[in-house]
């Protein structure tokens, strides 16, 4: 299985086994729904969502066959994962492209190491042996993402990649 972290259980809510999840996962609507499988903690314990709702900044979830707070206390502070194969979307996840080689004008400039979230847009962190580049993750800078060949092509705009 290909596990992707989609959030963290930060607390319980009430006495009926509901948990509060903090998540900035882009495709929450496809994940937090009835009968979707989540995997909890380091052991990746499989639990199936029974109910879902939003409360303030939290994603509130109950699980099938859990009706008591004492049954979810052990999950407080645990990461929440999904199996990538269970997620049926047309988009590309950040986890799908991290580690890909990045090219500009058919020249390899580095490997995508990380994606930083910001209010305006996400930022790609591209590194090679000598340099680190920050590239906005927006259409104006991304020419093509080739998942089959594990390559990302960026449009080089003057000053984007300062090669001194």
N, C-alpha and C. Protein backbone atom coordinates (compact mmCIF):
# COMPACT_ATOMS: atom_id res chain seq x y z
N UNK A 1 0.84 -1.19 0.00
CA UNK A 1 0.00 0.00 0.00
C UNK A 1 0.88 1.24 0.00
N UNK A 2 0.36 2.28 -0.60
CA UNK A 2 1.05 3.57 -0.67
C UNK A 2 0.32 4.55 0.24
N UNK A 3 0.83 4.72 1.46
CA UNK A 3 0.16 5.55 2.45
C UNK A 3 0.51 7.02 2.28
N UNK A 4 -0.50 7.88 2.43
CA UNK A 4 -0.33 9.33 2.38
C UNK A 4 -0.95 9.91 3.64
N UNK A 5 -0.18 10.75 4.32
CA UNK A 5 -0.68 11.39 5.53
C UNK A 5 -1.63 12.53 5.13
N UNK A 6 -2.85 12.50 5.68
CA UNK A 6 -3.84 13.53 5.35
C UNK A 6 -4.20 14.40 6.54
N UNK A 7 -3.63 14.12 7.72
CA UNK A 7 -3.94 14.94 8.88
C UNK A 7 -3.50 14.29 10.17
N UNK A 8 -3.95 14.89 11.27
CA UNK A 8 -3.61 14.41 12.61
C UNK A 8 -4.83 14.49 13.51
N UNK A 9 -5.03 13.45 14.30
CA UNK A 9 -6.09 13.48 15.31
C UNK A 9 -5.55 14.28 16.48
N UNK A 10 -6.16 15.44 16.73
CA UNK A 10 -5.65 16.32 17.78
C UNK A 10 -6.40 16.18 19.09
N UNK A 11 -7.61 15.63 19.03
CA UNK A 11 -8.37 15.48 20.26
C UNK A 11 -9.62 14.65 19.99
N UNK A 12 -10.32 14.36 21.07
CA UNK A 12 -11.64 13.74 20.97
C UNK A 12 -12.68 14.84 21.10
N UNK A 13 -13.93 14.48 20.84
CA UNK A 13 -15.02 15.45 20.97
C UNK A 13 -16.25 14.70 21.50
N UNK A 14 -16.71 15.10 22.65
CA UNK A 14 -17.86 14.42 23.23
C UNK A 14 -17.49 13.06 23.80
N UNK A 15 -18.50 12.29 24.10
CA UNK A 15 -18.26 10.98 24.73
C UNK A 15 -18.61 9.80 23.84
N UNK A 16 -18.99 10.07 22.60
CA UNK A 16 -19.44 8.99 21.71
C UNK A 16 -18.40 8.55 20.68
N UNK A 17 -17.13 8.88 20.92
CA UNK A 17 -16.07 8.37 20.05
C UNK A 17 -15.74 9.24 18.85
N UNK A 18 -16.19 10.48 18.85
CA UNK A 18 -15.87 11.38 17.74
C UNK A 18 -14.47 11.95 17.95
N UNK A 19 -13.72 12.13 16.85
CA UNK A 19 -12.37 12.69 16.93
C UNK A 19 -12.29 13.97 16.10
N UNK A 20 -11.37 14.85 16.54
CA UNK A 20 -11.07 16.09 15.81
C UNK A 20 -9.80 15.88 15.01
N UNK A 21 -9.89 16.12 13.73
CA UNK A 21 -8.74 15.97 12.85
C UNK A 21 -8.38 17.34 12.28
N UNK A 22 -7.09 17.66 12.32
CA UNK A 22 -6.59 18.86 11.64
C UNK A 22 -6.02 18.38 10.31
N UNK A 23 -6.48 18.96 9.22
CA UNK A 23 -6.03 18.52 7.91
C UNK A 23 -6.04 19.68 6.93
N UNK A 24 -4.97 19.77 6.14
CA UNK A 24 -4.95 20.73 5.04
C UNK A 24 -4.88 19.98 3.70
N UNK A 25 -5.29 18.73 3.73
CA UNK A 25 -5.27 17.89 2.53
C UNK A 25 -6.20 18.48 1.48
N UNK A 26 -5.71 18.58 0.28
CA UNK A 26 -6.43 19.25 -0.80
C UNK A 26 -7.73 18.55 -1.20
N UNK A 27 -7.81 17.24 -1.08
CA UNK A 27 -8.96 16.48 -1.55
C UNK A 27 -9.76 15.89 -0.39
N UNK A 28 -10.03 16.72 0.62
CA UNK A 28 -10.77 16.26 1.80
C UNK A 28 -12.14 15.68 1.44
N UNK A 29 -12.82 16.31 0.50
CA UNK A 29 -14.19 15.88 0.15
C UNK A 29 -14.21 14.45 -0.38
N UNK A 30 -13.14 14.01 -0.98
CA UNK A 30 -13.07 12.65 -1.50
C UNK A 30 -12.62 11.65 -0.44
N UNK A 31 -12.04 12.14 0.66
CA UNK A 31 -11.51 11.27 1.71
C UNK A 31 -12.44 11.16 2.90
N UNK A 32 -12.86 12.30 3.44
CA UNK A 32 -13.68 12.31 4.65
C UNK A 32 -15.14 12.12 4.28
N UNK A 33 -15.49 10.87 4.03
CA UNK A 33 -16.87 10.53 3.71
C UNK A 33 -17.18 9.13 4.23
N UNK A 34 -18.43 8.87 4.39
CA UNK A 34 -18.89 7.59 4.94
C UNK A 34 -18.31 6.41 4.16
N UNK A 35 -17.85 5.42 4.89
CA UNK A 35 -17.32 4.16 4.37
C UNK A 35 -15.92 4.25 3.76
N UNK A 36 -15.25 5.41 3.87
CA UNK A 36 -13.87 5.51 3.38
C UNK A 36 -12.93 4.97 4.45
N UNK A 37 -11.88 4.25 4.04
CA UNK A 37 -10.93 3.66 4.99
C UNK A 37 -9.83 4.67 5.33
N UNK A 38 -9.59 4.83 6.63
CA UNK A 38 -8.46 5.61 7.13
C UNK A 38 -7.54 4.66 7.88
N UNK A 39 -6.27 5.03 7.94
CA UNK A 39 -5.28 4.24 8.65
C UNK A 39 -4.65 5.15 9.70
N UNK A 40 -4.68 4.70 10.96
CA UNK A 40 -4.33 5.56 12.07
C UNK A 40 -3.02 5.13 12.72
N UNK A 41 -2.16 6.13 12.98
CA UNK A 41 -0.94 5.91 13.76
C UNK A 41 0.15 5.17 13.01
N UNK A 42 1.23 4.90 13.75
CA UNK A 42 2.39 4.20 13.17
C UNK A 42 2.03 2.80 12.71
N UNK A 43 1.09 2.18 13.43
CA UNK A 43 0.69 0.81 13.09
C UNK A 43 -0.26 0.77 11.90
N UNK A 44 -0.76 1.94 11.49
CA UNK A 44 -1.70 2.07 10.37
C UNK A 44 -2.95 1.20 10.60
N UNK A 45 -3.54 1.36 11.78
CA UNK A 45 -4.76 0.61 12.10
C UNK A 45 -5.89 1.08 11.20
N UNK A 46 -6.51 0.13 10.52
CA UNK A 46 -7.58 0.45 9.57
C UNK A 46 -8.89 0.71 10.31
N UNK A 47 -9.46 1.90 10.05
CA UNK A 47 -10.77 2.26 10.58
C UNK A 47 -11.61 2.80 9.43
N UNK A 48 -12.91 2.56 9.50
CA UNK A 48 -13.81 3.01 8.44
C UNK A 48 -14.68 4.14 8.97
N UNK A 49 -14.78 5.20 8.19
CA UNK A 49 -15.54 6.37 8.61
C UNK A 49 -17.03 6.04 8.65
N UNK A 50 -17.65 6.43 9.75
CA UNK A 50 -19.10 6.29 9.89
C UNK A 50 -19.79 7.62 9.59
N UNK A 51 -19.31 8.71 10.24
CA UNK A 51 -19.88 10.03 9.98
C UNK A 51 -18.76 11.05 9.83
N UNK A 52 -19.11 12.14 9.16
CA UNK A 52 -18.16 13.25 8.97
C UNK A 52 -18.93 14.56 9.02
N UNK A 53 -18.30 15.55 9.64
CA UNK A 53 -18.83 16.91 9.64
C UNK A 53 -17.68 17.86 9.89
N UNK A 54 -17.91 19.13 9.59
CA UNK A 54 -16.92 20.17 9.85
C UNK A 54 -17.37 20.95 11.07
N UNK A 55 -16.43 21.23 11.97
CA UNK A 55 -16.71 22.02 13.17
C UNK A 55 -15.53 22.96 13.38
N UNK A 56 -15.78 24.27 13.18
CA UNK A 56 -14.72 25.28 13.26
C UNK A 56 -13.61 24.92 12.28
N UNK A 57 -12.39 24.70 12.77
CA UNK A 57 -11.28 24.37 11.86
C UNK A 57 -11.02 22.87 11.78
N UNK A 58 -11.88 22.07 12.39
CA UNK A 58 -11.66 20.64 12.50
C UNK A 58 -12.52 19.83 11.55
N UNK A 59 -11.99 18.70 11.16
CA UNK A 59 -12.75 17.68 10.45
C UNK A 59 -13.14 16.66 11.51
N UNK A 60 -14.43 16.54 11.76
CA UNK A 60 -14.95 15.69 12.83
C UNK A 60 -15.39 14.35 12.24
N UNK A 61 -14.85 13.26 12.81
CA UNK A 61 -15.09 11.94 12.26
C UNK A 61 -15.47 10.96 13.37
N UNK A 62 -16.44 10.11 13.07
CA UNK A 62 -16.68 8.93 13.91
C UNK A 62 -16.40 7.71 13.05
N UNK A 63 -16.07 6.61 13.72
CA UNK A 63 -15.72 5.38 13.02
C UNK A 63 -16.74 4.30 13.28
N UNK A 64 -16.87 3.41 12.33
CA UNK A 64 -17.80 2.28 12.49
C UNK A 64 -17.36 1.42 13.67
N UNK A 65 -18.34 0.97 14.43
CA UNK A 65 -18.15 0.09 15.58
C UNK A 65 -17.42 0.75 16.75
N UNK A 66 -17.29 2.07 16.74
CA UNK A 66 -16.72 2.79 17.88
C UNK A 66 -17.76 3.79 18.36
N UNK A 67 -18.23 3.60 19.60
CA UNK A 67 -19.30 4.48 20.12
C UNK A 67 -18.95 5.06 21.48
N UNK A 68 -17.67 4.95 21.86
CA UNK A 68 -17.29 5.40 23.20
C UNK A 68 -15.96 6.15 23.13
N UNK A 69 -15.85 7.23 23.88
CA UNK A 69 -14.64 8.04 23.91
C UNK A 69 -13.41 7.21 24.30
N UNK A 70 -13.59 6.24 25.18
CA UNK A 70 -12.46 5.43 25.64
C UNK A 70 -11.83 4.60 24.52
N UNK A 71 -12.58 4.35 23.47
CA UNK A 71 -12.07 3.57 22.34
C UNK A 71 -11.24 4.40 21.36
N UNK A 72 -11.29 5.73 21.48
CA UNK A 72 -10.52 6.59 20.57
C UNK A 72 -9.43 7.40 21.26
N UNK A 73 -9.38 7.35 22.59
CA UNK A 73 -8.36 8.11 23.32
C UNK A 73 -6.94 7.75 22.87
N UNK A 74 -6.72 6.50 22.55
CA UNK A 74 -5.38 6.05 22.14
C UNK A 74 -4.93 6.68 20.82
N UNK A 75 -5.85 7.22 20.03
CA UNK A 75 -5.50 7.79 18.73
C UNK A 75 -5.14 9.27 18.81
N UNK A 76 -5.34 9.89 19.97
CA UNK A 76 -5.03 11.31 20.13
C UNK A 76 -3.53 11.53 19.86
N UNK A 77 -3.24 12.46 18.95
CA UNK A 77 -1.86 12.75 18.56
C UNK A 77 -1.35 11.89 17.42
N UNK A 78 -2.16 10.98 16.91
CA UNK A 78 -1.74 10.09 15.81
C UNK A 78 -2.02 10.72 14.45
N UNK A 79 -1.16 10.40 13.51
CA UNK A 79 -1.38 10.82 12.13
C UNK A 79 -2.46 9.95 11.50
N UNK A 80 -3.14 10.53 10.52
CA UNK A 80 -4.20 9.85 9.78
C UNK A 80 -3.72 9.68 8.34
N UNK A 81 -3.80 8.45 7.85
CA UNK A 81 -3.32 8.13 6.51
C UNK A 81 -4.45 7.58 5.65
N UNK A 82 -4.23 7.67 4.34
CA UNK A 82 -5.09 6.98 3.39
C UNK A 82 -4.19 6.12 2.50
N UNK A 83 -4.79 5.17 1.84
CA UNK A 83 -4.09 4.40 0.82
C UNK A 83 -4.27 5.14 -0.50
N UNK A 84 -3.20 5.51 -1.16
CA UNK A 84 -3.27 6.29 -2.40
C UNK A 84 -4.17 5.62 -3.44
N UNK A 85 -4.16 4.30 -3.48
CA UNK A 85 -4.97 3.58 -4.46
C UNK A 85 -6.47 3.73 -4.20
N UNK A 86 -6.87 4.05 -2.97
CA UNK A 86 -8.28 4.23 -2.64
C UNK A 86 -8.82 5.58 -3.10
N UNK A 87 -7.94 6.51 -3.37
CA UNK A 87 -8.35 7.87 -3.74
C UNK A 87 -8.49 7.97 -5.25
N UNK A 88 -9.71 8.17 -5.69
CA UNK A 88 -10.01 8.27 -7.13
C UNK A 88 -10.22 9.74 -7.48
N UNK A 89 -9.17 10.37 -8.00
CA UNK A 89 -9.25 11.78 -8.38
C UNK A 89 -8.61 11.98 -9.74
N UNK A 90 -8.95 13.10 -10.38
CA UNK A 90 -8.34 13.44 -11.66
C UNK A 90 -7.09 14.29 -11.49
N UNK A 91 -6.88 14.84 -10.31
CA UNK A 91 -5.74 15.72 -10.06
C UNK A 91 -4.49 14.98 -9.67
N UNK A 92 -3.45 15.76 -9.41
CA UNK A 92 -2.17 15.24 -8.98
C UNK A 92 -1.96 15.64 -7.53
N UNK A 93 -1.56 14.70 -6.71
CA UNK A 93 -1.25 14.99 -5.32
C UNK A 93 0.19 15.46 -5.20
N UNK A 94 0.46 16.24 -4.18
CA UNK A 94 1.83 16.68 -3.91
C UNK A 94 2.75 15.46 -3.77
N UNK A 95 2.25 14.43 -3.09
CA UNK A 95 3.04 13.23 -2.86
C UNK A 95 3.38 12.50 -4.16
N UNK A 96 2.60 12.72 -5.22
CA UNK A 96 2.87 12.09 -6.51
C UNK A 96 4.10 12.69 -7.19
N UNK A 97 4.42 13.95 -6.88
CA UNK A 97 5.50 14.62 -7.63
C UNK A 97 6.77 14.86 -6.82
N UNK A 98 6.70 14.74 -5.50
CA UNK A 98 7.92 14.91 -4.71
C UNK A 98 8.90 13.80 -5.06
N UNK A 99 10.14 14.19 -5.32
CA UNK A 99 11.17 13.24 -5.73
C UNK A 99 11.40 13.18 -7.22
N UNK A 100 10.55 13.87 -8.01
CA UNK A 100 10.74 13.87 -9.45
C UNK A 100 11.87 14.82 -9.86
N UNK A 101 12.52 14.50 -10.98
CA UNK A 101 13.55 15.37 -11.53
C UNK A 101 12.88 16.56 -12.20
N UNK A 102 13.49 17.74 -12.04
CA UNK A 102 12.93 18.97 -12.59
C UNK A 102 13.84 19.48 -13.70
N UNK A 103 13.23 19.83 -14.83
CA UNK A 103 13.96 20.28 -16.00
C UNK A 103 13.50 21.67 -16.42
N UNK A 104 14.44 22.44 -16.95
CA UNK A 104 14.15 23.72 -17.56
C UNK A 104 14.95 23.80 -18.85
N UNK A 105 14.28 24.07 -19.95
CA UNK A 105 14.93 24.10 -21.27
C UNK A 105 15.73 22.81 -21.51
N UNK A 106 15.11 21.67 -21.19
CA UNK A 106 15.68 20.33 -21.37
C UNK A 106 16.98 20.09 -20.60
N UNK A 107 17.24 20.90 -19.58
CA UNK A 107 18.41 20.72 -18.73
C UNK A 107 17.92 20.42 -17.31
N UNK A 108 18.46 19.35 -16.73
CA UNK A 108 18.06 19.01 -15.37
C UNK A 108 18.61 20.04 -14.39
N UNK A 109 17.69 20.60 -13.58
CA UNK A 109 18.13 21.61 -12.61
C UNK A 109 18.11 21.08 -11.17
N UNK A 110 17.50 19.94 -10.94
CA UNK A 110 17.48 19.38 -9.60
C UNK A 110 16.32 18.43 -9.40
N UNK A 111 16.08 18.12 -8.13
CA UNK A 111 15.01 17.22 -7.74
C UNK A 111 14.05 17.96 -6.84
N UNK A 112 12.76 17.75 -7.06
CA UNK A 112 11.74 18.36 -6.20
C UNK A 112 11.79 17.68 -4.84
N UNK A 113 12.19 18.42 -3.82
CA UNK A 113 12.37 17.87 -2.48
C UNK A 113 11.18 18.10 -1.57
N UNK A 114 10.47 19.20 -1.80
CA UNK A 114 9.43 19.58 -0.84
C UNK A 114 8.47 20.56 -1.50
N UNK A 115 7.26 20.63 -0.97
CA UNK A 115 6.29 21.63 -1.40
C UNK A 115 5.82 22.36 -0.15
N UNK A 116 6.02 23.68 -0.16
CA UNK A 116 5.63 24.51 0.97
C UNK A 116 4.29 25.16 0.67
N UNK A 117 3.40 25.10 1.65
CA UNK A 117 2.09 25.74 1.51
C UNK A 117 2.22 27.21 1.90
N UNK A 118 1.60 28.09 1.13
CA UNK A 118 1.53 29.50 1.51
C UNK A 118 0.13 30.01 1.15
N UNK A 119 -0.20 31.16 1.66
CA UNK A 119 -1.55 31.69 1.40
C UNK A 119 -1.77 31.99 -0.07
N UNK A 120 -0.77 32.51 -0.74
CA UNK A 120 -0.93 32.88 -2.15
C UNK A 120 -0.95 31.65 -3.06
N UNK A 121 0.05 30.77 -2.90
CA UNK A 121 0.17 29.57 -3.72
C UNK A 121 1.24 28.69 -3.12
N UNK A 122 1.27 27.44 -3.52
CA UNK A 122 2.30 26.53 -3.03
C UNK A 122 3.63 26.85 -3.72
N UNK A 123 4.73 26.46 -3.06
CA UNK A 123 6.07 26.75 -3.59
C UNK A 123 6.84 25.44 -3.67
N UNK A 124 7.42 25.18 -4.84
CA UNK A 124 8.23 23.99 -5.04
C UNK A 124 9.66 24.27 -4.57
N UNK A 125 10.23 23.38 -3.78
CA UNK A 125 11.62 23.48 -3.34
C UNK A 125 12.41 22.47 -4.16
N UNK A 126 13.27 22.99 -5.03
CA UNK A 126 14.05 22.16 -5.94
C UNK A 126 15.52 22.28 -5.53
N UNK A 127 16.18 21.14 -5.36
CA UNK A 127 17.58 21.16 -4.91
C UNK A 127 18.45 20.31 -5.83
N UNK A 128 19.69 20.76 -5.96
CA UNK A 128 20.74 19.95 -6.56
C UNK A 128 21.95 20.03 -5.64
N UNK A 129 23.12 19.57 -6.08
CA UNK A 129 24.29 19.56 -5.19
C UNK A 129 24.70 20.96 -4.75
N UNK A 130 24.51 21.96 -5.60
CA UNK A 130 25.02 23.30 -5.33
C UNK A 130 23.97 24.34 -5.01
N UNK A 131 22.74 24.12 -5.41
CA UNK A 131 21.74 25.18 -5.33
C UNK A 131 20.40 24.69 -4.80
N UNK A 132 19.61 25.68 -4.40
CA UNK A 132 18.24 25.44 -3.98
C UNK A 132 17.38 26.50 -4.68
N UNK A 133 16.31 26.06 -5.33
CA UNK A 133 15.45 26.98 -6.06
C UNK A 133 14.04 26.94 -5.48
N UNK A 134 13.41 28.09 -5.44
CA UNK A 134 12.02 28.21 -5.00
C UNK A 134 11.21 28.62 -6.22
N UNK A 135 10.27 27.77 -6.61
CA UNK A 135 9.48 28.01 -7.82
C UNK A 135 8.01 27.98 -7.45
N UNK A 136 7.27 29.03 -7.78
CA UNK A 136 5.82 29.02 -7.51
C UNK A 136 5.15 27.85 -8.24
N UNK A 137 4.27 27.16 -7.54
CA UNK A 137 3.57 26.02 -8.11
C UNK A 137 2.26 26.52 -8.72
N UNK A 138 2.42 27.26 -9.83
CA UNK A 138 1.28 27.80 -10.57
C UNK A 138 1.50 27.56 -12.05
N UNK A 139 0.43 27.61 -12.82
CA UNK A 139 0.50 27.27 -14.25
C UNK A 139 1.50 28.11 -15.03
N UNK A 140 1.72 29.35 -14.62
CA UNK A 140 2.65 30.20 -15.35
C UNK A 140 4.08 29.67 -15.31
N UNK A 141 4.41 28.84 -14.34
CA UNK A 141 5.77 28.33 -14.20
C UNK A 141 5.90 26.84 -14.50
N UNK A 142 4.80 26.11 -14.50
CA UNK A 142 4.85 24.67 -14.74
C UNK A 142 4.45 24.40 -16.19
N UNK A 143 5.41 23.90 -16.95
CA UNK A 143 5.15 23.59 -18.35
C UNK A 143 4.44 22.25 -18.48
N UNK A 144 4.97 21.23 -17.77
CA UNK A 144 4.42 19.89 -17.91
C UNK A 144 4.86 19.03 -16.73
N UNK A 145 3.96 18.19 -16.26
CA UNK A 145 4.29 17.18 -15.25
C UNK A 145 4.12 15.82 -15.92
N UNK A 146 5.21 15.09 -16.06
CA UNK A 146 5.23 13.80 -16.72
C UNK A 146 5.45 12.71 -15.67
N UNK A 147 4.34 12.20 -15.11
CA UNK A 147 4.45 11.20 -14.06
C UNK A 147 5.03 9.88 -14.57
N UNK A 148 4.74 9.54 -15.81
CA UNK A 148 5.24 8.27 -16.37
C UNK A 148 6.77 8.24 -16.42
N UNK A 149 7.38 9.36 -16.80
CA UNK A 149 8.84 9.44 -16.90
C UNK A 149 9.48 10.10 -15.69
N UNK A 150 8.66 10.41 -14.68
CA UNK A 150 9.12 11.01 -13.43
C UNK A 150 9.90 12.31 -13.65
N UNK A 151 9.28 13.21 -14.44
CA UNK A 151 9.91 14.49 -14.75
C UNK A 151 8.91 15.63 -14.65
N UNK A 152 9.41 16.78 -14.24
CA UNK A 152 8.64 18.02 -14.23
C UNK A 152 9.40 19.02 -15.09
N UNK A 153 8.69 19.67 -15.99
CA UNK A 153 9.30 20.70 -16.84
C UNK A 153 8.75 22.05 -16.40
N UNK A 154 9.67 22.98 -16.10
CA UNK A 154 9.23 24.31 -15.71
C UNK A 154 9.61 25.30 -16.79
N UNK A 155 8.81 26.37 -16.87
CA UNK A 155 9.09 27.46 -17.81
C UNK A 155 10.04 28.41 -17.11
N UNK A 156 11.19 28.59 -17.69
CA UNK A 156 12.16 29.48 -17.06
C UNK A 156 11.84 30.92 -17.42
N UNK A 157 11.62 31.71 -16.40
CA UNK A 157 11.40 33.13 -16.55
C UNK A 157 12.63 33.83 -16.01
N UNK A 158 13.04 34.91 -16.65
CA UNK A 158 14.27 35.59 -16.25
C UNK A 158 14.28 35.87 -14.75
N UNK A 159 15.36 35.48 -14.10
CA UNK A 159 15.52 35.68 -12.67
C UNK A 159 15.01 34.55 -11.81
N UNK A 160 14.26 33.61 -12.40
CA UNK A 160 13.72 32.50 -11.62
C UNK A 160 14.83 31.57 -11.15
N UNK A 161 15.73 31.24 -12.06
CA UNK A 161 16.86 30.36 -11.72
C UNK A 161 18.14 31.15 -11.93
N UNK A 162 18.59 31.80 -10.92
CA UNK A 162 19.82 32.58 -11.02
C UNK A 162 21.03 31.67 -11.01
N UNK A 163 21.65 31.51 -12.16
CA UNK A 163 22.82 30.66 -12.30
C UNK A 163 24.05 31.56 -12.30
N UNK A 164 24.64 31.77 -11.15
CA UNK A 164 25.83 32.63 -11.07
C UNK A 164 27.07 31.79 -10.91
